[in-house]
Amino acid sequence: MNAVATPDLDTITAEKIVDARGAACPGPLLEAKKGMATVALGSVIELWSTDPITKTDIAAWSAKVGHEFLGAVEADGYDRVFIRRGK
């Protein structure tokens, strides 16, 4: 696996995994929003997406609404995107 942002992302345990593989933009973002609403402040969700735009969308959305985009890791045919709930 190649880290796109932080090399220690593989050590993060997500509170929730949101599987949005196969969904095109804005599907993964909408799924992330739904998933974020189900976890406590400070918790991490892991979003699985096959849409290459997802990393950029999630990073921008996180900054806009107050969550922390932790980065993404390439998996087998999809990206694992990590976001910490900030509000």
C-alpha atoms as a PDB file:
ATOM      1  CA  MET A   1       0.000   0.000   0.000  1.00  0.00           C
ATOM      2  CA  ASN A   2       1.189   3.478  -0.816  1.00  0.00           C
ATOM      3  CA  ALA A   3       0.329   6.300   1.547  1.00  0.00           C
ATOM      4  CA  VAL A   4      -0.976   9.412  -0.130  1.00  0.00           C
ATOM      5  CA  ALA A   5      -0.662  11.629   2.934  1.00  0.00           C
ATOM      6  CA  THR A   6       0.376  10.364   6.370  1.00  0.00           C
ATOM      7  CA  PRO A   7       2.472   7.165   6.385  1.00  0.00           C
ATOM      8  CA  ASP A   8       0.950   5.853   9.634  1.00  0.00           C
ATOM      9  CA  LEU A   9      -2.650   5.702   8.386  1.00  0.00           C
ATOM     10  CA  ASP A  10      -2.519   1.911   8.505  1.00  0.00           C
ATOM     11  CA  THR A  11      -2.306   2.139  12.299  1.00  0.00           C
ATOM     12  CA  ILE A  12      -5.578   4.075  12.611  1.00  0.00           C
ATOM     13  CA  THR A  13      -8.609   2.154  13.779  1.00  0.00           C
ATOM     14  CA  ALA A  14     -11.747   3.710  12.345  1.00  0.00           C
ATOM     15  CA  GLU A  15     -14.909   3.876  14.427  1.00  0.00           C
ATOM     16  CA  LYS A  16     -16.909   3.247  11.249  1.00  0.00           C
ATOM     17  CA  ILE A  17     -16.124   2.032   7.728  1.00  0.00           C
ATOM     18  CA  VAL A  18     -18.256   3.510   4.965  1.00  0.00           C
ATOM     19  CA  ASP A  19     -18.152   1.466   1.755  1.00  0.00           C
ATOM     20  CA  ALA A  20     -18.885   3.759  -1.211  1.00  0.00           C
ATOM     21  CA  ARG A  21     -17.015   1.699  -3.792  1.00  0.00           C
ATOM     22  CA  GLY A  22     -18.670   1.876  -7.187  1.00  0.00           C
ATOM     23  CA  ALA A  23     -20.394   5.186  -6.451  1.00  0.00           C
ATOM     24  CA  ALA A  24     -19.484   8.206  -8.563  1.00  0.00           C
ATOM     25  CA  CYS A  25     -19.202  11.764  -7.292  1.00  0.00           C
ATOM     26  CA  PRO A  26     -21.005  13.013  -5.241  1.00  0.00           C
ATOM     27  CA  GLY A  27     -22.018   9.590  -3.881  1.00  0.00           C
ATOM     28  CA  PRO A  28     -18.927   8.955  -1.705  1.00  0.00           C
ATOM     29  CA  LEU A  29     -19.187  12.451  -0.186  1.00  0.00           C
ATOM     30  CA  LEU A  30     -22.866  11.942   0.633  1.00  0.00           C
ATOM     31  CA  GLU A  31     -22.068   8.563   2.204  1.00  0.00           C
ATOM     32  CA  ALA A  32     -19.271  10.166   4.253  1.00  0.00           C
ATOM     33  CA  LYS A  33     -21.688  12.819   5.527  1.00  0.00           C
ATOM     34  CA  LYS A  34     -24.154  10.119   6.596  1.00  0.00           C
ATOM     35  CA  GLY A  35     -21.422   8.067   8.250  1.00  0.00           C
ATOM     36  CA  MET A  36     -19.985  11.074  10.073  1.00  0.00           C
ATOM     37  CA  ALA A  37     -23.353  11.749  11.693  1.00  0.00           C
ATOM     38  CA  THR A  38     -23.241   8.310  13.354  1.00  0.00           C
ATOM     39  CA  VAL A  39     -19.910   8.648  15.207  1.00  0.00           C
ATOM     40  CA  ALA A  40     -18.847  10.683  18.249  1.00  0.00           C
ATOM     41  CA  LEU A  41     -16.727  13.829  18.115  1.00  0.00           C
ATOM     42  CA  GLY A  42     -13.064  12.944  17.649  1.00  0.00           C
ATOM     43  CA  SER A  43     -13.885   9.573  16.080  1.00  0.00           C
ATOM     44  CA  VAL A  44     -12.483   8.523  12.722  1.00  0.00           C
ATOM     45  CA  ILE A  45     -14.430   7.179   9.781  1.00  0.00           C
ATOM     46  CA  GLU A  46     -12.788   5.296   6.934  1.00  0.00           C
ATOM     47  CA  LEU A  47     -14.376   5.824   3.536  1.00  0.00           C
ATOM     48  CA  TRP A  48     -13.762   3.296   0.783  1.00  0.00           C
ATOM     49  CA  SER A  49     -14.073   4.758  -2.699  1.00  0.00           C
ATOM     50  CA  THR A  50     -13.211   3.820  -6.263  1.00  0.00           C
ATOM     51  CA  ASP A  51     -13.788   7.407  -7.486  1.00  0.00           C
ATOM     52  CA  PRO A  52     -10.376   9.138  -7.829  1.00  0.00           C
ATOM     53  CA  ILE A  53     -11.949  12.557  -7.138  1.00  0.00           C
ATOM     54  CA  THR A  54     -13.079  11.469  -3.666  1.00  0.00           C
ATOM     55  CA  LYS A  55      -9.784  12.338  -1.919  1.00  0.00           C
ATOM     56  CA  THR A  56      -9.943  15.933  -3.191  1.00  0.00           C
ATOM     57  CA  ASP A  57     -13.669  16.273  -2.455  1.00  0.00           C
ATOM     58  CA  ILE A  58     -13.342  14.898   1.078  1.00  0.00           C
ATOM     59  CA  ALA A  59     -10.318  17.088   1.866  1.00  0.00           C
ATOM     60  CA  ALA A  60     -12.184  20.231   0.712  1.00  0.00           C
ATOM     61  CA  TRP A  61     -15.415  19.256   2.485  1.00  0.00           C
ATOM     62  CA  SER A  62     -13.566  18.445   5.721  1.00  0.00           C
ATOM     63  CA  ALA A  63     -11.839  21.838   5.761  1.00  0.00           C
ATOM     64  CA  LYS A  64     -15.102  23.613   4.997  1.00  0.00           C
ATOM     65  CA  VAL A  65     -17.203  21.983   7.725  1.00  0.00           C
ATOM     66  CA  GLY A  66     -14.614  21.525  10.479  1.00  0.00           C
ATOM     67  CA  HIS A  67     -13.573  17.873  10.210  1.00  0.00           C
ATOM     68  CA  GLU A  68      -9.958  16.738   9.883  1.00  0.00           C
ATOM     69  CA  PHE A  69      -8.895  15.051   6.636  1.00  0.00           C
ATOM     70  CA  LEU A  70      -6.224  12.600   7.770  1.00  0.00           C
ATOM     71  CA  GLY A  71      -5.260  11.329   4.329  1.00  0.00           C
ATOM     72  CA  ALA A  72      -5.781   8.363   2.055  1.00  0.00           C
ATOM     73  CA  VAL A  73      -4.154   5.003   1.413  1.00  0.00           C
ATOM     74  CA  GLU A  74      -4.380   3.057  -1.834  1.00  0.00           C
ATOM     75  CA  ALA A  75      -5.895  -0.372  -1.356  1.00  0.00           C
ATOM     76  CA  ASP A  76      -6.671  -3.083  -3.919  1.00  0.00           C
ATOM     77  CA  GLY A  77      -8.512  -1.056  -6.570  1.00  0.00           C
ATOM     78  CA  TYR A  78      -9.908   1.610  -4.244  1.00  0.00           C
ATOM     79  CA  ASP A  79      -8.827   4.350  -1.848  1.00  0.00           C
ATOM     80  CA  ARG A  80      -9.192   4.216   1.930  1.00  0.00           C
ATOM     81  CA  VAL A  81      -9.893   7.807   3.029  1.00  0.00           C
ATOM     82  CA  PHE A  82      -9.667   8.758   6.713  1.00  0.00           C
ATOM     83  CA  ILE A  83     -11.588  11.646   8.302  1.00  0.00           C
ATOM     84  CA  ARG A  84     -11.765  12.627  11.991  1.00  0.00           C
ATOM     85  CA  ARG A  85     -15.040  14.167  13.144  1.00  0.00           C
ATOM     86  CA  GLY A  86     -14.418  17.689  14.325  1.00  0.00           C
ATOM     87  CA  LYS A  87     -17.898  19.016  15.087  1.00  0.00           C
END
